Amino acid sequence: MKFVGLAAALVMLLPTAAFADQAAADACAAKLPKDASTIYTASAAQASPGADLKAVVTKVTRGMVLSGKMSRDAAKPAAEAAGACLVMANK
């Protein structure tokens, strides 16, 4: 299943730490393509200090794919791009 690959990629991208640079993360997100931006927005709304960002992004992305809002092919790169911006908030 493609979500296994997505989850594995996000494990490397999304350490959990205190939110530190939300402005940089939001600036990064402003440059994202539509699918990645949607994932970022939904994930950021659910992420709180101490949250497992990988799990949040995976849940959001999976929900979008299962509801037909995003193709499986688009899911992995969009989630990785959104995750890269979310990581900025954790540095």
N, C-alpha and C. Protein backbone atom coordinates (compact mmCIF):
# COMPACT_ATOMS: atom_id res chain seq x y z
N MET A 1 0.85 -1.18 0.00
CA MET A 1 0.00 0.00 0.00
C MET A 1 0.89 1.24 0.00
N LYS A 2 0.47 2.25 -0.71
CA LYS A 2 1.29 3.45 -0.85
C LYS A 2 1.45 4.21 0.47
N PHE A 3 0.53 4.00 1.40
CA PHE A 3 0.63 4.71 2.67
C PHE A 3 1.80 4.23 3.51
N VAL A 4 2.23 2.99 3.29
CA VAL A 4 3.40 2.48 4.00
C VAL A 4 4.62 3.28 3.58
N GLY A 5 4.76 3.53 2.28
CA GLY A 5 5.87 4.35 1.80
C GLY A 5 5.77 5.77 2.30
N LEU A 6 4.57 6.30 2.33
CA LEU A 6 4.34 7.66 2.84
C LEU A 6 4.73 7.73 4.31
N ALA A 7 4.28 6.77 5.08
CA ALA A 7 4.60 6.77 6.50
C ALA A 7 6.11 6.66 6.73
N ALA A 8 6.77 5.81 5.97
CA ALA A 8 8.21 5.66 6.11
C ALA A 8 8.95 6.95 5.78
N ALA A 9 8.51 7.63 4.73
CA ALA A 9 9.14 8.89 4.36
C ALA A 9 8.91 9.95 5.43
N LEU A 10 7.74 9.97 6.00
CA LEU A 10 7.44 10.98 7.00
C LEU A 10 8.15 10.75 8.33
N VAL A 11 8.47 9.49 8.62
CA VAL A 11 9.21 9.20 9.84
C VAL A 11 10.53 9.96 9.84
N MET A 12 11.16 10.02 8.69
CA MET A 12 12.44 10.71 8.58
C MET A 12 12.27 12.23 8.57
N LEU A 13 11.14 12.71 8.13
CA LEU A 13 10.94 14.15 7.98
C LEU A 13 10.39 14.85 9.22
N LEU A 14 9.68 14.13 10.06
CA LEU A 14 8.88 14.81 11.07
C LEU A 14 9.26 14.44 12.50
N PRO A 15 10.30 15.03 13.02
CA PRO A 15 10.59 14.80 14.43
C PRO A 15 9.57 15.57 15.27
N THR A 16 9.31 15.11 16.47
CA THR A 16 8.39 15.84 17.33
C THR A 16 9.21 16.68 18.30
N ALA A 17 8.90 17.95 18.36
CA ALA A 17 9.58 18.89 19.23
C ALA A 17 8.66 20.07 19.47
N ALA A 18 9.07 20.97 20.30
CA ALA A 18 8.26 22.16 20.57
C ALA A 18 8.19 23.04 19.33
N PHE A 19 7.04 23.66 19.12
CA PHE A 19 6.89 24.56 17.98
C PHE A 19 7.71 25.82 18.21
N ALA A 20 8.53 26.20 17.22
CA ALA A 20 9.44 27.30 17.42
C ALA A 20 9.34 28.38 16.36
N ASP A 21 9.18 28.03 15.11
CA ASP A 21 9.21 29.03 14.05
C ASP A 21 7.99 28.91 13.15
N GLN A 22 6.85 29.24 13.70
CA GLN A 22 5.60 29.13 12.97
C GLN A 22 5.57 30.05 11.76
N ALA A 23 6.17 31.23 11.86
CA ALA A 23 6.18 32.17 10.74
C ALA A 23 6.92 31.59 9.54
N ALA A 24 8.05 30.94 9.77
CA ALA A 24 8.80 30.32 8.68
C ALA A 24 8.01 29.17 8.07
N ALA A 25 7.35 28.39 8.92
CA ALA A 25 6.54 27.28 8.43
C ALA A 25 5.39 27.79 7.57
N ASP A 26 4.74 28.84 8.02
CA ASP A 26 3.62 29.41 7.25
C ASP A 26 4.10 30.02 5.93
N ALA A 27 5.27 30.63 5.94
CA ALA A 27 5.84 31.19 4.70
C ALA A 27 6.16 30.07 3.72
N CYS A 28 6.69 28.98 4.23
CA CYS A 28 6.96 27.80 3.41
C CYS A 28 5.65 27.27 2.82
N ALA A 29 4.64 27.17 3.64
CA ALA A 29 3.34 26.64 3.21
C ALA A 29 2.69 27.51 2.14
N ALA A 30 2.95 28.79 2.18
CA ALA A 30 2.36 29.70 1.19
C ALA A 30 2.85 29.39 -0.22
N LYS A 31 3.98 28.71 -0.33
CA LYS A 31 4.57 28.38 -1.63
C LYS A 31 4.21 26.97 -2.11
N LEU A 32 3.45 26.24 -1.30
CA LEU A 32 3.12 24.86 -1.64
C LEU A 32 2.06 24.77 -2.73
N PRO A 33 2.11 23.69 -3.52
CA PRO A 33 1.02 23.42 -4.46
C PRO A 33 -0.28 23.16 -3.69
N LYS A 34 -1.40 23.18 -4.38
CA LYS A 34 -2.71 23.09 -3.74
C LYS A 34 -2.86 21.88 -2.80
N ASP A 35 -2.56 20.67 -3.27
CA ASP A 35 -2.74 19.49 -2.42
C ASP A 35 -1.87 19.55 -1.18
N ALA A 36 -0.62 19.93 -1.34
CA ALA A 36 0.29 20.02 -0.20
C ALA A 36 -0.16 21.11 0.77
N SER A 37 -0.65 22.21 0.24
CA SER A 37 -1.14 23.30 1.09
C SER A 37 -2.35 22.85 1.90
N THR A 38 -3.22 22.08 1.29
CA THR A 38 -4.40 21.58 1.99
C THR A 38 -3.98 20.64 3.12
N ILE A 39 -3.03 19.78 2.85
CA ILE A 39 -2.51 18.87 3.88
C ILE A 39 -1.86 19.67 5.01
N TYR A 40 -1.06 20.66 4.65
CA TYR A 40 -0.39 21.48 5.66
C TYR A 40 -1.42 22.16 6.56
N THR A 41 -2.41 22.79 5.96
CA THR A 41 -3.40 23.53 6.74
C THR A 41 -4.15 22.61 7.70
N ALA A 42 -4.60 21.48 7.20
CA ALA A 42 -5.34 20.54 8.05
C ALA A 42 -4.45 19.94 9.12
N SER A 43 -3.22 19.63 8.78
CA SER A 43 -2.29 19.04 9.75
C SER A 43 -1.87 20.04 10.80
N ALA A 44 -1.60 21.27 10.40
CA ALA A 44 -1.19 22.31 11.35
C ALA A 44 -2.31 22.58 12.36
N ALA A 45 -3.55 22.50 11.91
CA ALA A 45 -4.68 22.73 12.81
C ALA A 45 -4.79 21.63 13.86
N GLN A 46 -4.33 20.44 13.54
CA GLN A 46 -4.41 19.30 14.47
C GLN A 46 -3.14 19.10 15.27
N ALA A 47 -2.05 19.71 14.84
CA ALA A 47 -0.75 19.51 15.50
C ALA A 47 -0.63 20.44 16.70
N SER A 48 -0.20 19.88 17.79
CA SER A 48 0.05 20.66 18.98
C SER A 48 1.41 20.23 19.53
N PRO A 49 1.99 21.02 20.41
CA PRO A 49 3.28 20.61 20.98
C PRO A 49 3.17 19.19 21.56
N GLY A 50 4.10 18.37 21.18
CA GLY A 50 4.10 16.99 21.64
C GLY A 50 3.34 16.03 20.74
N ALA A 51 2.63 16.56 19.73
CA ALA A 51 1.88 15.70 18.82
C ALA A 51 2.83 14.93 17.92
N ASP A 52 2.41 13.77 17.50
CA ASP A 52 3.17 12.96 16.55
C ASP A 52 2.81 13.48 15.15
N LEU A 53 3.67 14.33 14.61
CA LEU A 53 3.37 14.96 13.33
C LEU A 53 3.23 13.96 12.19
N LYS A 54 4.02 12.92 12.23
CA LYS A 54 3.92 11.88 11.20
C LYS A 54 2.51 11.30 11.19
N ALA A 55 2.01 11.00 12.36
CA ALA A 55 0.67 10.42 12.47
C ALA A 55 -0.39 11.41 12.01
N VAL A 56 -0.22 12.67 12.36
CA VAL A 56 -1.19 13.70 11.96
C VAL A 56 -1.21 13.84 10.44
N VAL A 57 -0.05 13.99 9.82
CA VAL A 57 0.02 14.16 8.37
C VAL A 57 -0.50 12.90 7.66
N THR A 58 -0.15 11.74 8.15
CA THR A 58 -0.61 10.50 7.56
C THR A 58 -2.14 10.40 7.63
N LYS A 59 -2.70 10.72 8.78
CA LYS A 59 -4.15 10.66 8.96
C LYS A 59 -4.86 11.64 8.02
N VAL A 60 -4.37 12.86 7.96
CA VAL A 60 -4.97 13.88 7.09
C VAL A 60 -4.89 13.45 5.63
N THR A 61 -3.71 13.01 5.22
CA THR A 61 -3.50 12.61 3.82
C THR A 61 -4.35 11.39 3.47
N ARG A 62 -4.36 10.43 4.34
CA ARG A 62 -5.15 9.23 4.09
C ARG A 62 -6.63 9.58 3.95
N GLY A 63 -7.13 10.44 4.81
CA GLY A 63 -8.52 10.87 4.74
C GLY A 63 -8.84 11.55 3.42
N MET A 64 -7.91 12.34 2.93
CA MET A 64 -8.12 13.03 1.65
C MET A 64 -8.16 12.03 0.49
N VAL A 65 -7.30 11.04 0.54
CA VAL A 65 -7.27 10.03 -0.53
C VAL A 65 -8.54 9.19 -0.48
N LEU A 66 -8.90 8.72 0.69
CA LEU A 66 -10.08 7.87 0.82
C LEU A 66 -11.38 8.59 0.48
N SER A 67 -11.41 9.90 0.68
CA SER A 67 -12.62 10.66 0.36
C SER A 67 -12.63 11.13 -1.10
N GLY A 68 -11.57 10.82 -1.83
CA GLY A 68 -11.51 11.18 -3.25
C GLY A 68 -11.06 12.61 -3.50
N LYS A 69 -10.58 13.31 -2.48
CA LYS A 69 -10.13 14.68 -2.65
C LYS A 69 -8.72 14.76 -3.24
N MET A 70 -8.01 13.63 -3.23
CA MET A 70 -6.64 13.60 -3.73
C MET A 70 -6.36 12.19 -4.25
N SER A 71 -5.59 12.11 -5.33
CA SER A 71 -5.23 10.79 -5.86
C SER A 71 -4.11 10.19 -5.01
N ARG A 72 -4.01 8.88 -5.06
CA ARG A 72 -2.92 8.20 -4.35
C ARG A 72 -1.56 8.64 -4.88
N ASP A 73 -1.49 8.84 -6.19
CA ASP A 73 -0.22 9.25 -6.79
C ASP A 73 0.22 10.62 -6.30
N ALA A 74 -0.72 11.50 -6.03
CA ALA A 74 -0.39 12.85 -5.58
C ALA A 74 -0.13 12.90 -4.08
N ALA A 75 -0.59 11.91 -3.34
CA ALA A 75 -0.54 11.95 -1.88
C ALA A 75 0.87 12.01 -1.30
N LYS A 76 1.75 11.13 -1.75
CA LYS A 76 3.09 11.07 -1.15
C LYS A 76 3.88 12.36 -1.34
N PRO A 77 4.02 12.86 -2.58
CA PRO A 77 4.79 14.11 -2.72
C PRO A 77 4.13 15.29 -2.01
N ALA A 78 2.81 15.32 -2.00
CA ALA A 78 2.13 16.43 -1.31
C ALA A 78 2.35 16.35 0.19
N ALA A 79 2.27 15.15 0.75
CA ALA A 79 2.50 14.98 2.19
C ALA A 79 3.94 15.30 2.57
N GLU A 80 4.88 14.90 1.72
CA GLU A 80 6.28 15.20 2.01
C GLU A 80 6.54 16.70 1.98
N ALA A 81 5.95 17.39 1.02
CA ALA A 81 6.13 18.85 0.94
C ALA A 81 5.49 19.53 2.14
N ALA A 82 4.29 19.10 2.50
CA ALA A 82 3.62 19.68 3.67
C ALA A 82 4.43 19.39 4.94
N GLY A 83 4.94 18.17 5.03
CA GLY A 83 5.74 17.79 6.19
C GLY A 83 7.00 18.62 6.33
N ALA A 84 7.62 18.94 5.20
CA ALA A 84 8.84 19.76 5.25
C ALA A 84 8.54 21.13 5.85
N CYS A 85 7.39 21.68 5.53
CA CYS A 85 7.02 22.98 6.11
C CYS A 85 6.66 22.84 7.59
N LEU A 86 5.96 21.78 7.95
CA LEU A 86 5.61 21.56 9.35
C LEU A 86 6.85 21.38 10.22
N VAL A 87 7.89 20.76 9.67
CA VAL A 87 9.13 20.57 10.41
C VAL A 87 9.73 21.91 10.81
N MET A 88 9.59 22.90 9.95
CA MET A 88 10.13 24.24 10.27
C MET A 88 9.53 24.79 11.55
N ALA A 89 8.30 24.45 11.83
CA ALA A 89 7.67 24.91 13.04
C ALA A 89 8.22 24.19 14.28
N ASN A 90 8.94 23.12 14.04
CA ASN A 90 9.47 22.31 15.14
C ASN A 90 10.93 22.52 15.43
N LYS A 91 11.59 23.39 14.68
CA LYS A 91 13.02 23.60 14.91
C LYS A 91 13.25 24.49 16.09
